[in-house]
Amino acid sequence: MFHSVRHEDQIKPSREPLPVVGMAGDVDLEFQGNIVLTPDEGEMEFVVRFTNGALEWVRPFDDLSEQQQMLAVRSNLEN
C-alpha cells in the first residue's frame, strides 16, 4: 500500500506559513514478488512472498533451497 499525502501552505493570522496535510489517497500497488528481510548481525534472515498484493508466506532464508534463495535475492534486487 502506497500512502500518499498532499501538503499545502495556509496563512495563519500572523502571516506565517502553516503546513497542512491532507489525504491525497492510498494506492494499492498489488506488489508481487519476494522481499528478503535482512536483520542485524546474528539474527535470522527471512523471505516474504507476496502474490497480487497479498502475503503468501514468510519463511526463514536458510530453509529455502539454494535455487529459491538465488531467486529471492534476485527478485529483491529488481524491485
Protein backbone atom coordinates (compact mmCIF):
# COMPACT_ATOMS: atom_id res chain seq x y z
CA MET A 1 0.00 0.00 0.00
CA PHE A 2 1.42 3.37 -1.01
CA HIS A 3 0.10 6.10 1.27
CA SER A 4 0.22 9.48 -0.39
CA VAL A 5 -0.42 12.86 1.22
CA ARG A 6 -0.83 16.38 -0.09
CA HIS A 7 0.91 19.31 1.58
CA GLU A 8 -0.42 22.85 1.36
CA ASP A 9 0.57 26.14 2.93
CA GLN A 10 -2.09 28.02 4.85
CA ILE A 11 -1.64 31.56 6.16
CA LYS A 12 -2.17 31.99 9.92
CA PRO A 13 -3.33 35.37 11.26
CA SER A 14 0.35 36.19 11.96
CA ARG A 15 1.04 35.62 8.23
CA GLU A 16 3.46 32.75 8.95
CA PRO A 17 3.04 29.66 6.72
CA LEU A 18 1.48 26.66 8.44
CA PRO A 19 1.89 23.27 6.75
CA VAL A 20 -1.42 21.48 6.32
CA VAL A 21 -1.51 17.78 5.48
CA GLY A 22 -4.48 16.44 3.55
CA MET A 23 -5.03 12.90 2.38
CA ALA A 24 -4.48 12.54 -1.34
CA GLY A 25 -5.38 8.86 -1.35
CA ASP A 26 -3.88 5.43 -0.90
CA VAL A 27 -2.77 3.31 -3.82
CA ASP A 28 -2.65 -0.48 -3.57
CA LEU A 29 0.44 -1.41 -5.56
CA GLU A 30 -0.51 -5.11 -5.54
CA PHE A 31 3.16 -5.98 -5.09
CA GLN A 32 4.17 -9.34 -6.49
CA GLY A 33 7.46 -10.97 -5.62
CA ASN A 34 9.85 -11.69 -2.79
CA ILE A 35 11.29 -9.38 -0.17
CA VAL A 36 14.37 -10.53 1.72
CA LEU A 37 14.32 -9.18 5.26
CA THR A 38 17.92 -8.67 6.34
CA PRO A 39 18.25 -8.32 10.12
CA ASP A 40 21.06 -7.16 12.35
CA GLU A 41 24.07 -9.45 12.65
CA GLY A 42 23.32 -12.70 14.46
CA GLU A 43 19.56 -12.65 13.77
CA MET A 44 17.61 -14.88 11.39
CA GLU A 45 17.01 -13.73 7.80
CA PHE A 46 13.53 -14.21 6.29
CA VAL A 47 11.96 -14.17 2.85
CA VAL A 48 8.44 -12.78 2.45
CA ARG A 49 6.45 -13.60 -0.68
CA PHE A 50 3.56 -11.53 -1.99
CA THR A 51 1.20 -12.56 -4.78
CA ASN A 52 -1.11 -9.90 -6.26
CA GLY A 53 -0.54 -7.73 -3.18
CA ALA A 54 -1.42 -10.43 -0.66
CA LEU A 55 1.05 -12.04 1.71
CA GLU A 56 1.53 -15.64 0.59
CA TRP A 57 4.17 -16.83 3.06
CA VAL A 58 7.10 -15.96 5.34
CA ARG A 59 10.00 -18.43 5.56
CA PRO A 60 13.48 -18.45 7.07
CA PHE A 61 16.01 -17.77 4.30
CA ASP A 62 18.09 -20.82 5.32
CA ASP A 63 15.06 -23.13 4.87
CA LEU A 64 14.86 -22.34 1.15
CA SER A 65 16.75 -24.36 -1.44
CA GLU A 66 19.82 -22.73 -3.00
CA GLN A 67 17.82 -22.04 -6.16
CA GLN A 68 14.97 -20.42 -4.20
CA GLN A 69 17.49 -18.29 -2.27
CA MET A 70 19.05 -17.06 -5.51
CA LEU A 71 15.63 -16.24 -6.98
CA ALA A 72 14.60 -14.40 -3.80
CA VAL A 73 17.76 -12.29 -3.77
CA ARG A 74 17.47 -11.53 -7.50
CA SER A 75 13.80 -10.60 -7.09
CA ASN A 76 14.70 -8.35 -4.16
CA LEU A 77 17.32 -6.53 -6.24
CA GLU A 78 14.92 -5.98 -9.17
CA ASN A 79 12.20 -4.40 -7.01
